[in-house]
């Protein structure tokens, strides 16, 4: 599909430093000529990257690489200050959400009849400051019973060193209804990390999504800057 081809090529070019933060990417006309496609296809590809905060557009000037393309945050520091308040885990016929598929840069065709889903909520005081959702996609990988998988699945995968490669992506995402409910705020974007876990055969065996309450993150960044003065 031409649209996805354009998206992937732009992402690769940015990762290879062909375009840096603030650089202007090729024009619509140049992309049409390069990929032999329609104007609408190019616009959809650019819109997809703008929606993911990889690019931003300035009317009359063009489209540029966003400062959030390599957005990162120190989850460990935040986690040290939080307390785990809720931990739910259950096997469920669970469809992997669209946002997880969209932020995986390769073809995502995994269909699991039954994946293991974990949800963890972390609080500081009475405020939720971040949450994680984890999926174990291959339930028979350790030949465990359902009960064993439920209680020890993710830990066993790490202990047995089945995870050979991790693809990580940090971006800002738009809020979902779950975010609005959980964080009880009106922020426009949320610092989000996606982790994709692979076995030695490069088969996708697990996924995690982590979202942080943005006001907490921003306040911590300000404190860090003040401490470094």
N, C-alpha and C. Protein backbone atom coordinates (compact mmCIF):
# COMPACT_ATOMS: atom_id res chain seq x y z
N UNK A 1 0.85 -1.19 0.00
CA UNK A 1 0.00 0.00 0.00
C UNK A 1 0.89 1.25 0.00
N UNK A 2 0.66 2.13 -0.96
CA UNK A 2 1.52 3.29 -1.13
C UNK A 2 1.56 4.20 0.10
N UNK A 3 0.41 4.37 0.73
CA UNK A 3 0.36 5.25 1.90
C UNK A 3 1.32 4.78 2.98
N UNK A 4 1.29 3.48 3.30
CA UNK A 4 2.16 2.94 4.33
C UNK A 4 3.62 2.97 3.89
N UNK A 5 3.86 2.79 2.60
CA UNK A 5 5.22 2.85 2.06
C UNK A 5 5.82 4.24 2.28
N UNK A 6 5.02 5.26 2.05
CA UNK A 6 5.48 6.64 2.26
C UNK A 6 5.77 6.88 3.74
N UNK A 7 4.85 6.44 4.60
CA UNK A 7 5.02 6.60 6.05
C UNK A 7 6.31 5.96 6.52
N UNK A 8 6.53 4.71 6.13
CA UNK A 8 7.72 3.97 6.57
C UNK A 8 9.00 4.59 6.04
N UNK A 9 8.97 5.09 4.80
CA UNK A 9 10.17 5.70 4.21
C UNK A 9 10.55 6.97 4.96
N UNK A 10 9.56 7.79 5.29
CA UNK A 10 9.84 9.03 6.03
C UNK A 10 10.40 8.71 7.41
N UNK A 11 9.81 7.72 8.09
CA UNK A 11 10.29 7.32 9.42
C UNK A 11 11.73 6.83 9.34
N UNK A 12 12.03 6.00 8.35
CA UNK A 12 13.39 5.48 8.18
C UNK A 12 14.37 6.62 7.92
N UNK A 13 13.99 7.57 7.07
CA UNK A 13 14.87 8.70 6.75
C UNK A 13 15.16 9.54 7.99
N UNK A 14 14.15 9.71 8.85
CA UNK A 14 14.36 10.49 10.08
C UNK A 14 15.28 9.72 11.03
N UNK A 15 15.05 8.42 11.16
CA UNK A 15 15.90 7.61 12.05
C UNK A 15 17.35 7.59 11.58
N UNK A 16 17.54 7.65 10.27
CA UNK A 16 18.90 7.65 9.71
C UNK A 16 19.51 9.05 9.67
N UNK A 17 18.79 10.02 10.28
CA UNK A 17 19.27 11.40 10.39
C UNK A 17 19.31 12.14 9.05
N UNK A 18 18.60 11.62 8.06
CA UNK A 18 18.51 12.37 6.80
C UNK A 18 17.75 13.67 7.05
N UNK A 19 16.71 13.56 7.90
CA UNK A 19 15.98 14.75 8.34
C UNK A 19 16.06 14.82 9.86
N UNK A 20 16.42 15.98 10.39
CA UNK A 20 16.52 16.17 11.83
C UNK A 20 15.32 16.99 12.31
N UNK A 21 15.21 17.12 13.64
CA UNK A 21 14.11 17.90 14.22
C UNK A 21 14.13 19.30 13.63
N UNK A 22 12.97 19.73 13.13
CA UNK A 22 12.86 21.06 12.54
C UNK A 22 13.11 21.11 11.05
N UNK A 23 13.66 20.01 10.48
CA UNK A 23 13.91 19.98 9.03
C UNK A 23 12.60 19.81 8.27
N UNK A 24 12.58 20.40 7.09
CA UNK A 24 11.42 20.27 6.21
C UNK A 24 11.54 18.99 5.40
N UNK A 25 10.46 18.22 5.33
CA UNK A 25 10.48 16.99 4.52
C UNK A 25 10.11 17.35 3.08
N UNK A 26 10.25 16.42 2.12
CA UNK A 26 9.91 16.72 0.73
C UNK A 26 8.47 17.22 0.57
N UNK A 27 8.25 18.01 -0.45
CA UNK A 27 6.92 18.57 -0.71
C UNK A 27 5.98 17.50 -1.25
N UNK A 28 4.70 17.83 -1.31
CA UNK A 28 3.70 16.91 -1.88
C UNK A 28 4.10 16.50 -3.29
N UNK A 29 4.49 17.48 -4.09
CA UNK A 29 4.84 17.21 -5.49
C UNK A 29 6.02 16.25 -5.58
N UNK A 30 7.03 16.47 -4.73
CA UNK A 30 8.22 15.61 -4.74
C UNK A 30 7.87 14.18 -4.32
N UNK A 31 7.00 14.04 -3.31
CA UNK A 31 6.60 12.71 -2.85
C UNK A 31 5.74 12.00 -3.89
N UNK A 32 4.89 12.74 -4.59
CA UNK A 32 4.07 12.15 -5.66
C UNK A 32 4.97 11.59 -6.76
N UNK A 33 5.99 12.36 -7.13
CA UNK A 33 6.91 11.92 -8.18
C UNK A 33 7.76 10.74 -7.72
N UNK A 34 8.14 10.75 -6.44
CA UNK A 34 9.00 9.69 -5.90
C UNK A 34 8.27 8.36 -5.80
N UNK A 35 6.98 8.41 -5.39
CA UNK A 35 6.24 7.17 -5.12
C UNK A 35 5.20 6.84 -6.19
N UNK A 36 5.11 7.68 -7.23
CA UNK A 36 4.16 7.44 -8.33
C UNK A 36 2.75 7.19 -7.79
N UNK A 37 2.27 8.14 -7.01
CA UNK A 37 0.95 7.99 -6.38
C UNK A 37 0.16 9.29 -6.49
N UNK A 38 -1.05 9.27 -5.97
CA UNK A 38 -1.92 10.44 -6.04
C UNK A 38 -1.63 11.43 -4.91
N UNK A 39 -2.13 12.64 -5.09
CA UNK A 39 -1.99 13.67 -4.06
C UNK A 39 -2.70 13.25 -2.78
N UNK A 40 -3.86 12.61 -2.92
CA UNK A 40 -4.64 12.19 -1.75
C UNK A 40 -3.87 11.15 -0.92
N UNK A 41 -3.16 10.24 -1.60
CA UNK A 41 -2.37 9.22 -0.89
C UNK A 41 -1.26 9.88 -0.08
N UNK A 42 -0.58 10.85 -0.68
CA UNK A 42 0.49 11.57 0.03
C UNK A 42 -0.08 12.30 1.23
N UNK A 43 -1.21 12.96 1.04
CA UNK A 43 -1.81 13.73 2.14
C UNK A 43 -2.23 12.83 3.30
N UNK A 44 -2.76 11.65 2.98
CA UNK A 44 -3.15 10.71 4.03
C UNK A 44 -1.92 10.23 4.81
N UNK A 45 -0.82 9.97 4.11
CA UNK A 45 0.41 9.52 4.77
C UNK A 45 0.95 10.61 5.69
N UNK A 46 0.97 11.84 5.21
CA UNK A 46 1.46 12.96 6.02
C UNK A 46 0.55 13.18 7.22
N UNK A 47 -0.76 13.09 6.99
CA UNK A 47 -1.72 13.27 8.08
C UNK A 47 -1.52 12.21 9.16
N UNK A 48 -1.21 10.99 8.73
CA UNK A 48 -0.97 9.90 9.68
C UNK A 48 0.23 10.21 10.57
N UNK A 49 1.29 10.75 9.98
CA UNK A 49 2.50 11.08 10.75
C UNK A 49 2.29 12.32 11.62
N UNK A 50 1.49 13.25 11.15
CA UNK A 50 1.17 14.44 11.96
C UNK A 50 0.34 14.03 13.17
N UNK A 51 -0.63 13.13 12.96
CA UNK A 51 -1.48 12.65 14.05
C UNK A 51 -0.68 11.94 15.13
N UNK A 52 0.43 11.31 14.72
CA UNK A 52 1.28 10.60 15.68
C UNK A 52 2.35 11.51 16.29
N UNK A 53 2.30 12.80 15.92
CA UNK A 53 3.24 13.79 16.44
C UNK A 53 4.66 13.62 15.92
N UNK A 54 4.83 12.86 14.81
CA UNK A 54 6.15 12.73 14.21
C UNK A 54 6.48 13.97 13.37
N UNK A 55 5.45 14.55 12.77
CA UNK A 55 5.61 15.72 11.92
C UNK A 55 4.64 16.81 12.36
N UNK A 56 4.93 18.05 11.96
CA UNK A 56 3.96 19.12 12.15
C UNK A 56 3.97 19.99 10.89
N UNK A 57 2.84 20.61 10.61
CA UNK A 57 2.73 21.41 9.38
C UNK A 57 2.54 22.88 9.71
N UNK A 58 3.11 23.74 8.87
CA UNK A 58 2.93 25.18 8.97
C UNK A 58 2.32 25.64 7.65
N UNK A 59 1.14 26.24 7.74
CA UNK A 59 0.42 26.63 6.53
C UNK A 59 1.27 27.55 5.66
N UNK A 60 1.39 27.17 4.41
CA UNK A 60 2.14 27.98 3.45
C UNK A 60 3.64 27.76 3.49
N UNK A 61 4.13 26.98 4.46
CA UNK A 61 5.58 26.78 4.58
C UNK A 61 6.00 25.33 4.37
N UNK A 62 5.14 24.37 4.73
CA UNK A 62 5.48 22.97 4.53
C UNK A 62 5.29 22.12 5.77
N UNK A 63 5.88 20.92 5.72
CA UNK A 63 5.76 19.94 6.80
C UNK A 63 7.16 19.67 7.35
N UNK A 64 7.28 19.61 8.69
CA UNK A 64 8.58 19.54 9.33
C UNK A 64 8.62 18.39 10.35
N UNK A 65 9.85 17.96 10.70
CA UNK A 65 10.03 16.90 11.70
C UNK A 65 9.77 17.48 13.09
N UNK A 66 8.92 16.80 13.85
CA UNK A 66 8.53 17.27 15.17
C UNK A 66 9.60 16.97 16.21
N UNK A 67 9.65 17.80 17.25
CA UNK A 67 10.57 17.56 18.36
C UNK A 67 10.18 16.32 19.15
N UNK A 68 8.94 15.82 18.94
CA UNK A 68 8.47 14.66 19.68
C UNK A 68 8.78 13.34 18.98
N UNK A 69 9.50 13.39 17.85
CA UNK A 69 9.78 12.14 17.14
C UNK A 69 10.58 11.18 18.02
N UNK A 70 11.56 11.69 18.75
CA UNK A 70 12.36 10.86 19.66
C UNK A 70 12.02 11.16 21.11
N UNK A 71 10.73 11.38 21.35
CA UNK A 71 10.27 11.74 22.69
C UNK A 71 10.59 10.63 23.69
N UNK A 72 11.24 10.98 24.79
CA UNK A 72 11.61 10.00 25.81
C UNK A 72 11.33 10.56 27.19
N UNK A 73 11.11 9.68 28.14
CA UNK A 73 10.97 10.11 29.52
C UNK A 73 11.53 9.03 30.43
N UNK A 74 11.91 9.43 31.64
CA UNK A 74 12.54 8.51 32.57
C UNK A 74 11.48 7.82 33.42
N UNK A 75 11.00 6.69 32.94
CA UNK A 75 9.94 5.97 33.64
C UNK A 75 10.43 5.43 34.98
N UNK A 76 11.69 5.03 35.04
CA UNK A 76 12.22 4.44 36.28
C UNK A 76 12.12 5.42 37.45
N UNK A 77 12.48 6.68 37.21
CA UNK A 77 12.41 7.70 38.26
C UNK A 77 10.98 7.87 38.75
N UNK A 78 10.05 7.94 37.80
CA UNK A 78 8.65 8.11 38.16
C UNK A 78 8.14 6.88 38.91
N UNK A 79 8.55 5.70 38.46
CA UNK A 79 8.08 4.46 39.08
C UNK A 79 8.56 4.34 40.52
N UNK A 80 9.79 4.82 40.79
CA UNK A 80 10.33 4.75 42.15
C UNK A 80 9.50 5.55 43.14
N UNK A 81 8.83 6.60 42.64
CA UNK A 81 8.06 7.46 43.52
C UNK A 81 6.60 7.04 43.62
N UNK A 82 6.22 6.05 42.84
CA UNK A 82 4.81 5.65 42.80
C UNK A 82 4.57 4.41 43.64
N UNK A 83 3.31 4.18 43.96
CA UNK A 83 2.94 2.94 44.62
C UNK A 83 1.95 2.20 43.73
N UNK A 84 2.11 0.90 43.68
CA UNK A 84 1.23 0.07 42.86
C UNK A 84 -0.07 -0.13 43.62
N UNK A 85 -1.15 0.41 43.10
CA UNK A 85 -2.42 0.36 43.82
C UNK A 85 -3.34 -0.74 43.31
N UNK A 86 -3.28 -1.02 42.04
CA UNK A 86 -4.18 -2.01 41.46
C UNK A 86 -3.40 -2.91 40.52
N UNK A 87 -3.67 -4.20 40.59
CA UNK A 87 -3.00 -5.14 39.70
C UNK A 87 -4.02 -6.18 39.28
N UNK A 88 -4.49 -6.10 38.07
CA UNK A 88 -5.47 -7.08 37.59
C UNK A 88 -4.84 -7.91 36.49
N UNK A 89 -5.18 -9.17 36.45
CA UNK A 89 -4.65 -10.03 35.39
C UNK A 89 -5.69 -11.10 35.09
N UNK A 90 -5.90 -11.35 33.84
CA UNK A 90 -6.89 -12.35 33.48
C UNK A 90 -6.72 -12.75 32.03
N UNK A 91 -6.93 -14.05 31.72
CA UNK A 91 -6.91 -14.45 30.32
C UNK A 91 -8.20 -13.98 29.67
N UNK A 92 -8.11 -13.49 28.48
CA UNK A 92 -9.30 -12.90 27.87
C UNK A 92 -9.16 -12.95 26.36
N UNK A 93 -10.27 -13.13 25.66
CA UNK A 93 -10.26 -13.00 24.21
C UNK A 93 -10.19 -11.51 23.91
N UNK A 94 -9.00 -11.02 23.74
CA UNK A 94 -8.80 -9.57 23.71
C UNK A 94 -8.19 -9.13 22.40
N UNK A 95 -8.88 -8.25 21.71
CA UNK A 95 -8.38 -7.71 20.46
C UNK A 95 -7.35 -6.62 20.76
N UNK A 96 -6.16 -6.74 20.17
CA UNK A 96 -5.12 -5.74 20.39
C UNK A 96 -5.61 -4.40 19.84
N UNK A 97 -5.57 -3.33 20.64
CA UNK A 97 -6.14 -2.05 20.19
C UNK A 97 -5.41 -1.45 19.00
N UNK A 98 -6.13 -0.61 18.30
CA UNK A 98 -5.63 0.01 17.07
C UNK A 98 -4.36 0.81 17.32
N UNK A 99 -4.29 1.51 18.45
CA UNK A 99 -3.14 2.37 18.73
C UNK A 99 -1.85 1.55 18.83
N UNK A 100 -1.96 0.31 19.33
CA UNK A 100 -0.78 -0.56 19.45
C UNK A 100 -0.32 -0.99 18.06
N UNK A 101 -1.26 -1.28 17.18
CA UNK A 101 -0.91 -1.69 15.82
C UNK A 101 -0.32 -0.52 15.03
N UNK A 102 -0.89 0.66 15.21
CA UNK A 102 -0.44 1.82 14.45
C UNK A 102 0.99 2.23 14.80
N UNK A 103 1.42 1.94 16.02
CA UNK A 103 2.75 2.36 16.45
C UNK A 103 3.79 1.27 16.34
N UNK A 104 3.44 0.19 15.67
CA UNK A 104 4.41 -0.86 15.33
C UNK A 104 4.78 -0.62 13.87
N UNK A 105 6.07 -0.41 13.55
CA UNK A 105 6.44 0.08 12.22
C UNK A 105 6.41 -0.97 11.11
N UNK A 106 6.08 -2.22 11.46
CA UNK A 106 6.06 -3.27 10.45
C UNK A 106 4.64 -3.83 10.35
N UNK A 107 4.44 -4.78 9.47
CA UNK A 107 3.11 -5.38 9.34
C UNK A 107 2.72 -6.06 10.65
N UNK A 108 1.53 -5.78 11.12
CA UNK A 108 1.06 -6.32 12.39
C UNK A 108 -0.15 -7.20 12.09
N UNK A 109 0.09 -8.50 11.93
CA UNK A 109 -0.99 -9.41 11.56
C UNK A 109 -1.34 -10.40 12.67
N UNK A 110 -0.83 -10.15 13.88
CA UNK A 110 -1.02 -11.12 14.95
C UNK A 110 -2.48 -11.18 15.38
N UNK A 111 -3.03 -12.39 15.37
CA UNK A 111 -4.39 -12.61 15.85
C UNK A 111 -4.34 -13.68 16.93
N UNK A 112 -4.65 -13.31 18.14
CA UNK A 112 -4.60 -14.26 19.26
C UNK A 112 -6.01 -14.61 19.70
N UNK A 113 -6.31 -15.91 19.73
CA UNK A 113 -7.62 -16.33 20.21
C UNK A 113 -7.76 -16.08 21.70
N UNK A 114 -6.65 -16.21 22.40
CA UNK A 114 -6.68 -15.95 23.84
C UNK A 114 -5.31 -15.41 24.26
N UNK A 115 -5.25 -14.16 24.63
CA UNK A 115 -3.99 -13.58 25.11
C UNK A 115 -4.16 -13.24 26.58
N UNK A 116 -3.03 -13.16 27.28
CA UNK A 116 -3.06 -12.83 28.70
C UNK A 116 -2.87 -11.33 28.85
N UNK A 117 -3.76 -10.70 29.58
CA UNK A 117 -3.74 -9.24 29.70
C UNK A 117 -3.52 -8.85 31.16
N UNK A 118 -2.56 -7.95 31.40
CA UNK A 118 -2.30 -7.42 32.73
C UNK A 118 -2.56 -5.91 32.72
N UNK A 119 -3.19 -5.41 33.76
CA UNK A 119 -3.34 -3.96 33.91
C UNK A 119 -2.79 -3.57 35.28
N UNK A 120 -1.91 -2.57 35.31
CA UNK A 120 -1.37 -2.06 36.56
C UNK A 120 -1.60 -0.55 36.63
N UNK A 121 -2.07 -0.09 37.78
CA UNK A 121 -2.26 1.35 38.00
C UNK A 121 -1.30 1.80 39.10
N UNK A 122 -0.60 2.91 38.87
CA UNK A 122 0.36 3.42 39.85
C UNK A 122 -0.10 4.80 40.33
N UNK A 123 -0.06 4.99 41.65
CA UNK A 123 -0.54 6.22 42.26
C UNK A 123 0.57 6.93 43.02
N UNK A 124 0.43 8.25 43.13
CA UNK A 124 1.20 9.04 44.09
C UNK A 124 0.18 9.89 44.83
N UNK A 125 0.04 9.65 46.14
CA UNK A 125 -1.06 10.26 46.87
C UNK A 125 -2.36 9.65 46.37
N UNK A 126 -3.31 10.49 46.01
CA UNK A 126 -4.58 9.98 45.49
C UNK A 126 -4.68 10.17 43.98
N UNK A 127 -3.54 10.44 43.34
CA UNK A 127 -3.53 10.71 41.91
C UNK A 127 -2.89 9.58 41.12
N UNK A 128 -3.59 9.09 40.10
CA UNK A 128 -2.98 8.12 39.19
C UNK A 128 -1.91 8.84 38.38
N UNK A 129 -0.67 8.35 38.42
CA UNK A 129 0.38 9.04 37.66
C UNK A 129 0.83 8.25 36.43
N UNK A 130 0.61 6.94 36.42
CA UNK A 130 0.78 6.22 35.16
C UNK A 130 0.15 4.83 35.27
N UNK A 131 -0.06 4.22 34.12
CA UNK A 131 -0.60 2.87 34.10
C UNK A 131 0.06 2.08 32.99
N UNK A 132 0.02 0.77 33.13
CA UNK A 132 0.57 -0.12 32.10
C UNK A 132 -0.48 -1.17 31.73
N UNK A 133 -0.49 -1.52 30.46
CA UNK A 133 -1.28 -2.66 29.99
C UNK A 133 -0.32 -3.59 29.26
N UNK A 134 -0.30 -4.85 29.65
CA UNK A 134 0.61 -5.82 29.05
C UNK A 134 -0.17 -6.99 28.46
N UNK A 135 0.29 -7.46 27.32
CA UNK A 135 -0.32 -8.63 26.69
C UNK A 135 0.74 -9.70 26.46
N UNK A 136 0.48 -10.93 26.90
CA UNK A 136 1.29 -12.08 26.52
C UNK A 136 0.53 -12.77 25.40
N UNK A 137 1.14 -12.86 24.24
CA UNK A 137 0.40 -13.28 23.05
C UNK A 137 0.44 -14.78 22.81
N UNK A 138 1.45 -15.46 23.34
CA UNK A 138 1.61 -16.88 23.04
C UNK A 138 1.44 -17.68 24.32
N UNK A 139 0.25 -18.20 24.55
CA UNK A 139 -0.03 -18.80 25.85
C UNK A 139 0.64 -20.16 26.04
N UNK A 140 0.97 -20.88 24.96
CA UNK A 140 1.54 -22.21 25.12
C UNK A 140 3.07 -22.22 25.02
N UNK A 141 3.67 -21.06 25.00
CA UNK A 141 5.10 -20.98 24.77
C UNK A 141 5.91 -21.68 25.87
N UNK A 142 5.36 -21.74 27.09
CA UNK A 142 6.07 -22.38 28.20
C UNK A 142 5.43 -23.71 28.61
N UNK A 143 4.42 -24.14 27.86
CA UNK A 143 3.68 -25.36 28.20
C UNK A 143 3.12 -25.30 29.62
N UNK A 144 2.63 -24.14 30.01
CA UNK A 144 2.04 -23.97 31.33
C UNK A 144 0.54 -24.21 31.27
N UNK A 145 -0.02 -24.58 32.41
CA UNK A 145 -1.48 -24.63 32.50
C UNK A 145 -2.00 -23.21 32.51
N UNK A 146 -3.30 -23.06 32.30
CA UNK A 146 -3.87 -21.71 32.29
C UNK A 146 -3.65 -21.02 33.64
N UNK A 147 -3.77 -21.77 34.73
CA UNK A 147 -3.58 -21.19 36.06
C UNK A 147 -2.13 -20.73 36.25
N UNK A 148 -1.18 -21.57 35.81
CA UNK A 148 0.23 -21.21 35.92
C UNK A 148 0.55 -19.99 35.06
N UNK A 149 -0.02 -19.98 33.88
CA UNK A 149 0.20 -18.84 32.99
C UNK A 149 -0.35 -17.57 33.60
N UNK A 150 -1.52 -17.69 34.20
CA UNK A 150 -2.18 -16.54 34.80
C UNK A 150 -1.34 -15.95 35.93
N UNK A 151 -0.73 -16.83 36.73
CA UNK A 151 0.01 -16.37 37.91
C UNK A 151 1.46 -16.00 37.60
N UNK A 152 2.06 -16.69 36.63
CA UNK A 152 3.51 -16.52 36.43
C UNK A 152 3.93 -16.25 34.99
N UNK A 153 2.96 -16.03 34.12
CA UNK A 153 3.26 -15.98 32.70
C UNK A 153 4.37 -15.04 32.30
N UNK A 154 4.21 -13.76 32.60
CA UNK A 154 5.20 -12.78 32.15
C UNK A 154 6.54 -12.99 32.85
N UNK A 155 6.50 -13.27 34.15
CA UNK A 155 7.75 -13.49 34.90
C UNK A 155 8.50 -14.69 34.34
N UNK A 156 7.78 -15.77 34.00
CA UNK A 156 8.42 -16.96 33.46
C UNK A 156 9.08 -16.68 32.11
N UNK A 157 8.42 -15.87 31.30
CA UNK A 157 8.98 -15.53 29.99
C UNK A 157 10.33 -14.83 30.16
N UNK A 158 10.41 -13.92 31.14
CA UNK A 158 11.68 -13.23 31.38
C UNK A 158 12.71 -14.17 31.99
N UNK A 159 12.29 -15.01 32.95
CA UNK A 159 13.22 -15.93 33.61
C UNK A 159 13.84 -16.91 32.62
N UNK A 160 13.04 -17.38 31.68
CA UNK A 160 13.53 -18.36 30.70
C UNK A 160 14.27 -17.69 29.54
N UNK A 161 14.40 -16.38 29.63
CA UNK A 161 15.14 -15.61 28.62
C UNK A 161 14.60 -15.86 27.21
N UNK A 162 13.28 -15.94 27.13
CA UNK A 162 12.66 -16.15 25.82
C UNK A 162 12.62 -14.86 25.01
N UNK A 163 12.70 -13.73 25.71
CA UNK A 163 12.69 -12.45 25.00
C UNK A 163 14.10 -12.13 24.52
N UNK A 164 14.27 -12.12 23.22
CA UNK A 164 15.60 -11.90 22.63
C UNK A 164 15.77 -10.50 22.06
N UNK A 165 14.66 -9.83 21.81
CA UNK A 165 14.76 -8.51 21.21
C UNK A 165 13.55 -7.69 21.62
N UNK A 166 13.77 -6.40 21.88
CA UNK A 166 12.68 -5.50 22.24
C UNK A 166 12.72 -4.29 21.32
N UNK A 167 11.57 -3.99 20.72
CA UNK A 167 11.44 -2.75 19.95
C UNK A 167 10.65 -1.78 20.81
N UNK A 168 11.22 -0.59 21.04
CA UNK A 168 10.57 0.40 21.90
C UNK A 168 10.30 1.68 21.12
N UNK A 169 9.18 2.29 21.45
CA UNK A 169 8.82 3.56 20.81
C UNK A 169 8.21 4.48 21.85
N UNK A 170 8.69 5.73 21.91
CA UNK A 170 8.16 6.74 22.83
C UNK A 170 7.57 7.89 22.04
N UNK A 171 6.29 8.17 22.24
CA UNK A 171 5.65 9.28 21.54
C UNK A 171 4.60 9.92 22.45
N UNK A 172 4.00 10.99 21.97
CA UNK A 172 2.83 11.56 22.61
C UNK A 172 1.60 11.04 21.88
N UNK A 173 0.57 10.63 22.63
CA UNK A 173 -0.66 10.15 22.02
C UNK A 173 -1.85 10.97 22.50
N UNK A 174 -2.88 10.99 21.70
CA UNK A 174 -4.10 11.69 22.09
C UNK A 174 -4.85 10.87 23.14
N UNK A 175 -5.61 11.52 24.03
CA UNK A 175 -6.28 10.79 25.11
C UNK A 175 -7.42 9.92 24.63
N UNK A 176 -7.63 8.81 25.33
CA UNK A 176 -8.78 7.95 25.10
C UNK A 176 -9.80 8.22 26.22
N UNK A 177 -10.97 7.61 26.12
CA UNK A 177 -11.96 7.74 27.18
C UNK A 177 -11.42 7.17 28.49
N UNK A 178 -10.65 6.08 28.37
CA UNK A 178 -10.05 5.45 29.55
C UNK A 178 -9.07 6.41 30.23
N UNK A 179 -8.28 7.13 29.43
CA UNK A 179 -7.34 8.11 29.98
C UNK A 179 -8.08 9.23 30.72
N UNK A 180 -9.12 9.74 30.09
CA UNK A 180 -9.90 10.82 30.70
C UNK A 180 -10.46 10.38 32.05
N UNK A 181 -10.97 9.16 32.07
CA UNK A 181 -11.55 8.63 33.31
C UNK A 181 -10.46 8.41 34.37
N UNK A 182 -9.36 7.82 33.95
CA UNK A 182 -8.32 7.41 34.89
C UNK A 182 -7.55 8.61 35.46
N UNK A 183 -7.19 9.55 34.59
CA UNK A 183 -6.37 10.68 35.03
C UNK A 183 -7.21 11.89 35.44
N UNK A 184 -8.48 11.89 35.05
CA UNK A 184 -9.40 12.96 35.44
C UNK A 184 -8.84 14.34 35.10
N UNK A 185 -8.48 14.52 33.84
CA UNK A 185 -7.91 15.80 33.42
C UNK A 185 -8.28 16.07 31.97
N UNK A 186 -7.85 17.22 31.45
CA UNK A 186 -8.20 17.61 30.09
C UNK A 186 -6.97 17.85 29.23
N UNK A 187 -5.92 17.08 29.46
CA UNK A 187 -4.71 17.24 28.65
C UNK A 187 -4.96 16.78 27.22
N UNK A 188 -4.21 17.37 26.30
CA UNK A 188 -4.38 17.04 24.89
C UNK A 188 -3.53 15.85 24.47
N UNK A 189 -2.39 15.64 25.15
CA UNK A 189 -1.49 14.55 24.76
C UNK A 189 -0.94 13.85 26.00
N UNK A 190 -0.54 12.59 25.82
CA UNK A 190 -0.01 11.80 26.92
C UNK A 190 1.32 11.16 26.52
N UNK A 191 2.37 11.31 27.36
CA UNK A 191 3.62 10.59 27.10
C UNK A 191 3.34 9.09 27.13
N UNK A 192 3.69 8.40 26.06
CA UNK A 192 3.34 6.98 25.91
C UNK A 192 4.53 6.18 25.41
N UNK A 193 4.74 5.01 26.01
CA UNK A 193 5.78 4.09 25.56
C UNK A 193 5.14 2.78 25.11
N UNK A 194 5.60 2.27 23.98
CA UNK A 194 5.19 0.96 23.49
C UNK A 194 6.42 0.06 23.50
N UNK A 195 6.30 -1.13 24.06
CA UNK A 195 7.36 -2.14 24.00
C UNK A 195 6.83 -3.38 23.29
N UNK A 196 7.58 -3.88 22.32
CA UNK A 196 7.20 -5.08 21.58
C UNK A 196 8.30 -6.12 21.80
N UNK A 197 7.94 -7.30 22.32
CA UNK A 197 8.91 -8.32 22.70
C UNK A 197 8.92 -9.46 21.68
N UNK A 198 10.14 -9.88 21.30
CA UNK A 198 10.29 -10.93 20.29
C UNK A 198 11.10 -12.10 20.85
N UNK A 199 10.81 -13.32 20.36
CA UNK A 199 11.61 -14.47 20.74
C UNK A 199 12.79 -14.63 19.78
N UNK A 200 13.55 -15.72 19.92
CA UNK A 200 14.75 -15.91 19.10
C UNK A 200 14.43 -16.06 17.62
N UNK A 201 13.20 -16.44 17.31
CA UNK A 201 12.78 -16.57 15.91
C UNK A 201 12.14 -15.30 15.38
N UNK A 202 12.26 -14.23 16.18
CA UNK A 202 11.71 -12.92 15.85
C UNK A 202 10.18 -12.95 15.74
N UNK A 203 9.57 -13.84 16.50
CA UNK A 203 8.11 -13.87 16.59
C UNK A 203 7.67 -12.96 17.73
N UNK A 204 6.66 -12.16 17.46
CA UNK A 204 6.14 -11.24 18.47
C UNK A 204 5.42 -12.04 19.55
N UNK A 205 5.91 -11.97 20.80
CA UNK A 205 5.32 -12.78 21.87
C UNK A 205 4.72 -11.94 22.99
N UNK A 206 4.97 -10.64 23.00
CA UNK A 206 4.41 -9.81 24.06
C UNK A 206 4.42 -8.34 23.70
N UNK A 207 3.51 -7.60 24.31
CA UNK A 207 3.38 -6.16 24.06
C UNK A 207 3.09 -5.47 25.38
N UNK A 208 3.64 -4.29 25.57
CA UNK A 208 3.24 -3.47 26.72
C UNK A 208 3.01 -2.04 26.26
N UNK A 209 2.02 -1.41 26.87
CA UNK A 209 1.71 0.00 26.62
C UNK A 209 1.78 0.72 27.96
N UNK A 210 2.49 1.83 28.02
CA UNK A 210 2.64 2.59 29.26
C UNK A 210 2.24 4.04 28.99
N UNK A 211 1.33 4.57 29.81
CA UNK A 211 0.93 5.98 29.68
C UNK A 211 1.15 6.70 31.00
N UNK A 212 1.67 7.92 30.89
CA UNK A 212 1.97 8.72 32.08
C UNK A 212 1.08 9.96 32.11
N UNK A 213 0.64 10.32 33.31
CA UNK A 213 -0.11 11.56 33.50
C UNK A 213 0.79 12.73 33.12
N UNK A 214 0.48 13.47 32.06
CA UNK A 214 1.42 14.45 31.52
C UNK A 214 1.78 15.58 32.46
N UNK A 215 0.83 16.05 33.28
CA UNK A 215 1.16 17.14 34.20
C UNK A 215 2.21 16.71 35.21
N UNK A 216 2.13 15.45 35.65
CA UNK A 216 3.13 14.94 36.58
C UNK A 216 4.49 14.90 35.90
N UNK A 217 4.52 14.39 34.69
CA UNK A 217 5.78 14.30 33.95
C UNK A 217 6.39 15.68 33.75
N UNK A 218 5.57 16.64 33.33
CA UNK A 218 6.07 17.99 33.08
C UNK A 218 6.62 18.62 34.35
N UNK A 219 5.91 18.42 35.47
CA UNK A 219 6.37 18.97 36.74
C UNK A 219 7.70 18.37 37.15
N UNK A 220 7.86 17.05 36.92
CA UNK A 220 9.12 16.39 37.26
C UNK A 220 10.26 16.92 36.39
N UNK A 221 9.98 17.18 35.12
CA UNK A 221 11.00 17.72 34.23
C UNK A 221 11.43 19.11 34.68
N UNK A 222 10.48 19.93 35.12
CA UNK A 222 10.80 21.28 35.60
C UNK A 222 11.67 21.19 36.85
N UNK A 223 11.32 20.27 37.76
CA UNK A 223 12.12 20.08 38.98
C UNK A 223 13.55 19.67 38.63
N UNK A 224 13.66 18.77 37.66
CA UNK A 224 14.99 18.28 37.26
C UNK A 224 15.83 19.41 36.69
N UNK A 225 15.21 20.27 35.88
CA UNK A 225 15.92 21.40 35.29
C UNK A 225 16.37 22.37 36.39
N UNK A 226 15.49 22.61 37.38
CA UNK A 226 15.84 23.51 38.48
C UNK A 226 17.00 22.96 39.29
N UNK A 227 17.01 21.64 39.50
CA UNK A 227 18.07 21.02 40.30
C UNK A 227 19.42 21.06 39.59
N UNK A 228 19.40 21.15 38.26
CA UNK A 228 20.64 21.16 37.50
C UNK A 228 21.22 22.56 37.33
N UNK A 229 20.51 23.57 37.81
CA UNK A 229 21.01 24.95 37.67
C UNK A 229 22.19 25.20 38.59
